[in-house]
Amino acid sequence: MTWAHHDTARGLDDLRAAVLGVLDLRPQPAGVPSWMLLSEATVAGGPSSGGGFDDSDQAASSEDSEADRARLIALVELARGGDSEAFGQLYDHYQGSVYRFVYYRTRSQTLAEDLTSETFLRALRNMSGFRWQGKDFGAWLMTIARNLCTDHFKAGRTRLEQTTEDMGAHDDATEGPENAVMAGLTNEVLLDGLRQLSDEQRDCLIMRFLQGLSIAETAEVLGRSEGAIKQLQLRGVRNLAKLVPAGWRDE
């Protein structure tokens, strides 16, 4: 998986397909995408590894190529030592992924921009304290972003605002699936349902579907085992299906 690039429109299509599968409105495809893994929901995961201060041997990256992994690990090491140019390159690489998570968590473009900026400011201030612990740097950034979102709404500074104006800029509309049922279950319905889920279920589905994070990466951000993430994803998809308007459930 590459943190910097993910097709959000495809992610919404995948989430729609998962929900419709739960509703039994369409047959499951022969090759089930890796993001579903519903049949593996009871597989147990292992505990997180511990960390230490001399942790260069625990550096990790989930990038697809060895060259990209080595480059990002090197940038993190430089940034930990105070190299601002290296941190700038990390910002360029991870900003899109962090922004997408915050946007789908808040559904406000302005708020997403603010919280994304705050995420990187906090990361910059705390780079010297970053510890690998066998985890991807992107997962650390996502944890900061998630905590900022939680703190923001807990403080009651704003309500979840649903503006079609904001949505229009981020739906990444495609030509649309040929299946009429798929087309009818709109992105707006899915996103309205997401905001009604518990925080953990919503964050899990956003990371897995809209960001394309792996189960392992999602587990790192949420601080759960991989088995727990599979269960969380399954419950989230099922609960999202229950929130689909009655007309779709009765089709």
Protein backbone atom coordinates (compact mmCIF):
# COMPACT_ATOMS: atom_id res chain seq x y z
CA MET A 1 0.00 0.00 0.00
CA THR A 2 1.23 3.52 -0.75
CA TRP A 3 0.04 6.17 1.71
CA ALA A 4 0.32 8.96 -0.82
CA HIS A 5 -2.03 7.46 -3.41
CA HIS A 6 -5.47 5.91 -3.07
CA ASP A 7 -8.50 6.03 -5.36
CA THR A 8 -11.22 7.38 -3.05
CA ALA A 9 -13.94 6.87 -5.64
CA ARG A 10 -12.97 3.20 -5.89
CA GLY A 11 -12.99 3.01 -2.11
CA LEU A 12 -16.56 4.30 -1.99
CA ASP A 13 -17.56 1.74 -4.62
CA ASP A 14 -15.96 -1.00 -2.52
CA LEU A 15 -17.79 0.15 0.60
CA ARG A 16 -21.06 0.31 -1.33
CA ALA A 17 -20.50 -3.23 -2.59
CA ALA A 18 -19.80 -4.48 0.94
CA VAL A 19 -22.99 -2.89 2.29
CA LEU A 20 -25.09 -4.23 -0.56
CA GLY A 21 -23.55 -7.64 -0.02
CA VAL A 22 -24.74 -7.59 3.60
CA LEU A 23 -28.19 -6.53 2.37
CA ASP A 24 -28.15 -9.40 -0.16
CA LEU A 25 -29.07 -6.97 -2.94
CA ARG A 26 -26.43 -8.29 -5.30
CA PRO A 27 -24.38 -11.49 -5.56
CA GLN A 28 -20.84 -11.44 -4.19
CA PRO A 29 -18.18 -11.43 -6.92
CA ALA A 30 -16.17 -14.58 -7.47
CA GLY A 31 -12.96 -12.89 -6.37
CA VAL A 32 -13.66 -11.14 -3.08
CA PRO A 33 -11.49 -8.02 -2.72
CA SER A 34 -8.87 -8.10 0.01
CA TRP A 35 -10.59 -5.29 1.88
CA MET A 36 -13.60 -7.43 2.73
CA LEU A 37 -12.05 -10.40 4.54
CA LEU A 38 -15.43 -11.02 6.16
CA SER A 39 -14.81 -14.74 6.25
CA GLU A 40 -11.66 -14.09 8.31
CA ALA A 41 -13.43 -12.02 10.95
CA THR A 42 -12.65 -14.45 13.77
CA VAL A 43 -8.92 -14.74 13.10
CA ALA A 44 -6.98 -13.61 16.14
CA GLY A 45 -4.17 -11.08 15.90
CA GLY A 46 -1.00 -10.73 17.90
CA PRO A 47 -0.07 -8.10 20.41
CA SER A 48 1.76 -4.93 19.50
CA SER A 49 5.51 -4.98 19.91
CA GLY A 50 7.26 -2.97 22.54
CA GLY A 51 9.66 -0.19 21.78
CA GLY A 52 12.86 1.37 22.98
CA PHE A 53 14.88 4.51 22.55
CA ASP A 54 17.56 2.91 20.38
CA ASP A 55 15.01 1.77 17.83
CA SER A 56 16.62 2.17 14.42
CA ASP A 57 16.41 -1.60 13.97
CA GLN A 58 12.63 -1.33 14.36
CA ALA A 59 12.13 1.18 11.53
CA ALA A 60 9.25 0.15 9.28
CA SER A 61 7.38 1.36 6.23
CA SER A 62 4.41 -0.07 4.35
CA GLU A 63 5.41 1.35 0.98
CA ASP A 64 5.26 -1.09 -1.92
CA SER A 65 8.83 -0.79 -3.15
CA GLU A 66 12.03 -1.32 -1.21
CA ALA A 67 13.41 1.95 -2.57
CA ASP A 68 10.40 3.92 -1.30
CA ARG A 69 10.57 2.20 2.08
CA ALA A 70 14.26 3.02 2.45
CA ARG A 71 13.72 6.63 1.36
CA LEU A 72 10.90 7.31 3.81
CA ILE A 73 12.69 5.65 6.71
CA ALA A 74 15.75 7.78 5.95
CA LEU A 75 13.60 10.94 5.83
CA VAL A 76 12.06 10.13 9.20
CA GLU A 77 15.50 9.58 10.72
CA LEU A 78 16.67 12.93 9.34
CA ALA A 79 13.53 14.69 10.57
CA ARG A 80 14.01 13.18 14.03
CA GLY A 81 17.39 14.86 14.03
CA GLY A 82 15.87 18.25 13.23
CA ASP A 83 16.15 18.33 9.43
CA SER A 84 13.27 20.60 8.35
CA GLU A 85 13.69 19.82 4.64
CA ALA A 86 13.27 16.11 5.37
CA PHE A 87 10.11 16.84 7.35
CA GLY A 88 8.83 18.89 4.42
CA GLN A 89 9.22 15.89 2.15
CA LEU A 90 7.36 13.74 4.67
CA TYR A 91 4.59 16.34 4.66
CA ASP A 92 4.35 16.18 0.87
CA HIS A 93 4.09 12.39 1.00
CA TYR A 94 1.54 11.97 3.79
CA GLN A 95 -0.56 15.16 3.66
CA GLY A 96 -3.13 13.80 1.21
CA SER A 97 -3.79 10.67 3.23
CA VAL A 98 -4.15 12.58 6.51
CA TYR A 99 -6.43 15.14 4.89
CA ARG A 100 -8.72 12.47 3.42
CA PHE A 101 -9.14 10.81 6.81
CA VAL A 102 -9.91 14.10 8.59
CA TYR A 103 -12.26 15.22 5.84
CA TYR A 104 -14.36 12.07 5.91
CA ARG A 105 -14.30 12.19 9.71
CA THR A 106 -15.54 15.80 9.87
CA ARG A 107 -17.16 16.32 6.45
CA SER A 108 -16.02 19.91 6.46
CA GLN A 109 -13.35 21.09 4.05
CA THR A 110 -12.31 24.05 6.18
CA LEU A 111 -12.11 22.01 9.37
CA ALA A 112 -10.22 19.24 7.58
CA GLU A 113 -7.64 21.73 6.35
CA ASP A 114 -7.22 23.17 9.85
CA LEU A 115 -6.90 19.82 11.61
CA THR A 116 -4.55 18.47 8.95
CA SER A 117 -2.27 21.47 9.47
CA GLU A 118 -2.44 20.98 13.24
CA THR A 119 -1.57 17.30 12.79
CA PHE A 120 1.68 18.15 11.06
CA LEU A 121 2.48 20.98 13.46
CA ARG A 122 2.17 18.58 16.38
CA ALA A 123 4.20 15.97 14.55
CA LEU A 124 6.94 18.54 13.88
CA ARG A 125 7.03 19.60 17.52
CA ASN A 126 7.27 15.98 18.66
CA MET A 127 9.60 14.50 16.03
CA SER A 128 12.41 14.03 18.53
CA GLY A 129 10.09 11.90 20.62
CA PHE A 130 8.88 9.68 17.76
CA ARG A 131 9.63 5.99 18.32
CA TRP A 132 9.42 3.40 15.55
CA GLN A 133 8.33 0.39 17.62
CA GLY A 134 8.05 -1.51 14.33
CA LYS A 135 5.32 0.83 13.06
CA ASP A 136 4.90 2.96 9.96
CA PHE A 137 5.41 6.71 10.39
CA GLY A 138 2.11 7.26 8.59
CA ALA A 139 0.30 5.35 11.34
CA TRP A 140 1.73 7.77 13.92
CA LEU A 141 0.44 10.73 11.92
CA MET A 142 -2.99 9.12 11.61
CA THR A 143 -3.11 8.58 15.36
CA ILE A 144 -2.41 12.28 15.91
CA ALA A 145 -5.11 13.23 13.38
CA ARG A 146 -7.63 10.87 14.94
CA ASN A 147 -6.98 12.26 18.42
CA LEU A 148 -7.38 15.83 17.14
CA CYS A 149 -10.74 14.96 15.57
CA THR A 150 -11.92 13.30 18.77
CA ASP A 151 -10.79 16.23 20.91
CA HIS A 152 -12.41 18.73 18.58
CA PHE A 153 -15.87 17.21 18.73
CA LYS A 154 -15.57 16.33 22.41
CA ALA A 155 -14.92 19.99 23.12
CA GLY A 156 -18.13 20.84 21.29
CA ARG A 157 -16.55 23.54 19.15
CA THR A 158 -18.69 22.55 16.19
CA ARG A 159 -21.32 20.17 14.93
CA LEU A 160 -20.89 17.78 12.04
CA GLU A 161 -21.83 19.96 9.12
CA GLN A 162 -23.24 18.38 5.99
CA THR A 163 -22.87 20.73 3.11
CA THR A 164 -23.39 19.57 -0.42
CA GLU A 165 -20.87 22.25 -1.36
CA ASP A 166 -18.12 20.48 0.57
CA MET A 167 -19.16 17.08 -0.70
CA GLY A 168 -19.08 18.21 -4.30
CA ALA A 169 -15.37 18.91 -4.03
CA HIS A 170 -14.49 15.48 -2.70
CA ASP A 171 -16.90 12.88 -4.10
CA ASP A 172 -14.46 12.13 -6.93
CA ALA A 173 -17.41 11.23 -9.09
CA THR A 174 -16.84 8.56 -11.69
CA GLU A 175 -18.94 7.46 -14.62
CA GLY A 176 -20.79 5.34 -12.10
CA PRO A 177 -21.38 1.58 -11.80
CA GLU A 178 -23.58 0.00 -14.41
CA ASN A 179 -25.62 -1.82 -11.77
CA ALA A 180 -28.71 0.29 -10.98
CA VAL A 181 -28.74 -0.72 -7.32
CA MET A 182 -25.10 0.28 -6.94
CA ALA A 183 -25.84 3.64 -8.53
CA GLY A 184 -28.86 4.20 -6.29
CA LEU A 185 -27.00 3.75 -3.04
CA THR A 186 -25.28 7.11 -3.29
CA ASN A 187 -22.08 8.33 -1.70
CA GLU A 188 -24.17 10.77 0.33
CA VAL A 189 -26.20 7.92 1.86
CA LEU A 190 -23.01 6.03 2.71
CA LEU A 191 -21.36 9.06 4.28
CA ASP A 192 -24.49 9.93 6.26
CA GLY A 193 -24.47 6.37 7.58
CA LEU A 194 -20.78 6.52 8.47
CA ARG A 195 -21.26 9.50 10.76
CA GLN A 196 -23.85 7.55 12.76
CA LEU A 197 -21.48 4.68 13.57
CA SER A 198 -19.37 4.52 16.71
CA ASP A 199 -16.06 6.36 16.47
CA GLU A 200 -14.03 3.16 16.17
CA GLN A 201 -16.27 1.60 13.53
CA ARG A 202 -16.38 4.81 11.50
CA ASP A 203 -12.61 5.30 11.69
CA CYS A 204 -12.01 1.66 10.77
CA LEU A 205 -14.20 1.86 7.65
CA ILE A 206 -12.71 5.20 6.59
CA MET A 207 -9.18 3.82 6.89
CA ARG A 208 -9.93 0.48 5.26
CA PHE A 209 -12.15 1.65 2.38
CA LEU A 210 -11.65 5.36 1.75
CA GLN A 211 -7.91 5.38 2.45
CA GLY A 212 -7.03 1.85 1.44
CA LEU A 213 -5.04 1.07 4.58
CA SER A 214 -4.29 -2.58 5.26
CA ILE A 215 -5.64 -4.39 8.30
CA ALA A 216 -2.17 -4.19 9.88
CA GLU A 217 -1.91 -0.44 9.26
CA THR A 218 -5.42 0.17 10.62
CA ALA A 219 -4.58 -1.91 13.68
CA GLU A 220 -1.51 0.26 14.30
CA VAL A 221 -3.52 3.48 14.19
CA LEU A 222 -6.38 2.22 16.35
CA GLY A 223 -4.13 0.36 18.76
CA ARG A 224 -5.98 -2.93 18.28
CA SER A 225 -5.00 -6.42 17.16
CA GLU A 226 -5.50 -7.40 13.52
CA GLY A 227 -8.20 -9.85 14.59
CA ALA A 228 -10.02 -7.05 16.41
CA ILE A 229 -9.86 -4.87 13.29
CA LYS A 230 -11.43 -7.65 11.20
CA GLN A 231 -14.25 -7.91 13.74
CA LEU A 232 -14.60 -4.12 13.87
CA GLN A 233 -14.81 -3.91 10.08
CA LEU A 234 -17.42 -6.65 9.93
CA ARG A 235 -19.58 -5.01 12.60
CA GLY A 236 -19.14 -1.60 10.97
CA VAL A 237 -20.29 -2.83 7.54
CA ARG A 238 -23.25 -4.64 9.09
CA ASN A 239 -24.28 -1.62 11.15
CA LEU A 240 -23.86 0.65 8.13
CA ALA A 241 -26.19 -1.66 6.21
CA LYS A 242 -28.81 -1.26 8.95
CA LEU A 243 -28.65 2.51 8.46
CA VAL A 244 -29.43 2.29 4.75
CA PRO A 245 -32.89 3.78 4.03
CA ALA A 246 -35.70 1.24 4.31
CA GLY A 247 -36.47 1.44 0.61
CA TRP A 248 -33.10 -0.07 -0.24
CA ARG A 249 -33.41 -2.81 2.38
CA ASP A 250 -36.73 -3.86 0.90
CA GLU A 251 -35.58 -4.03 -2.71
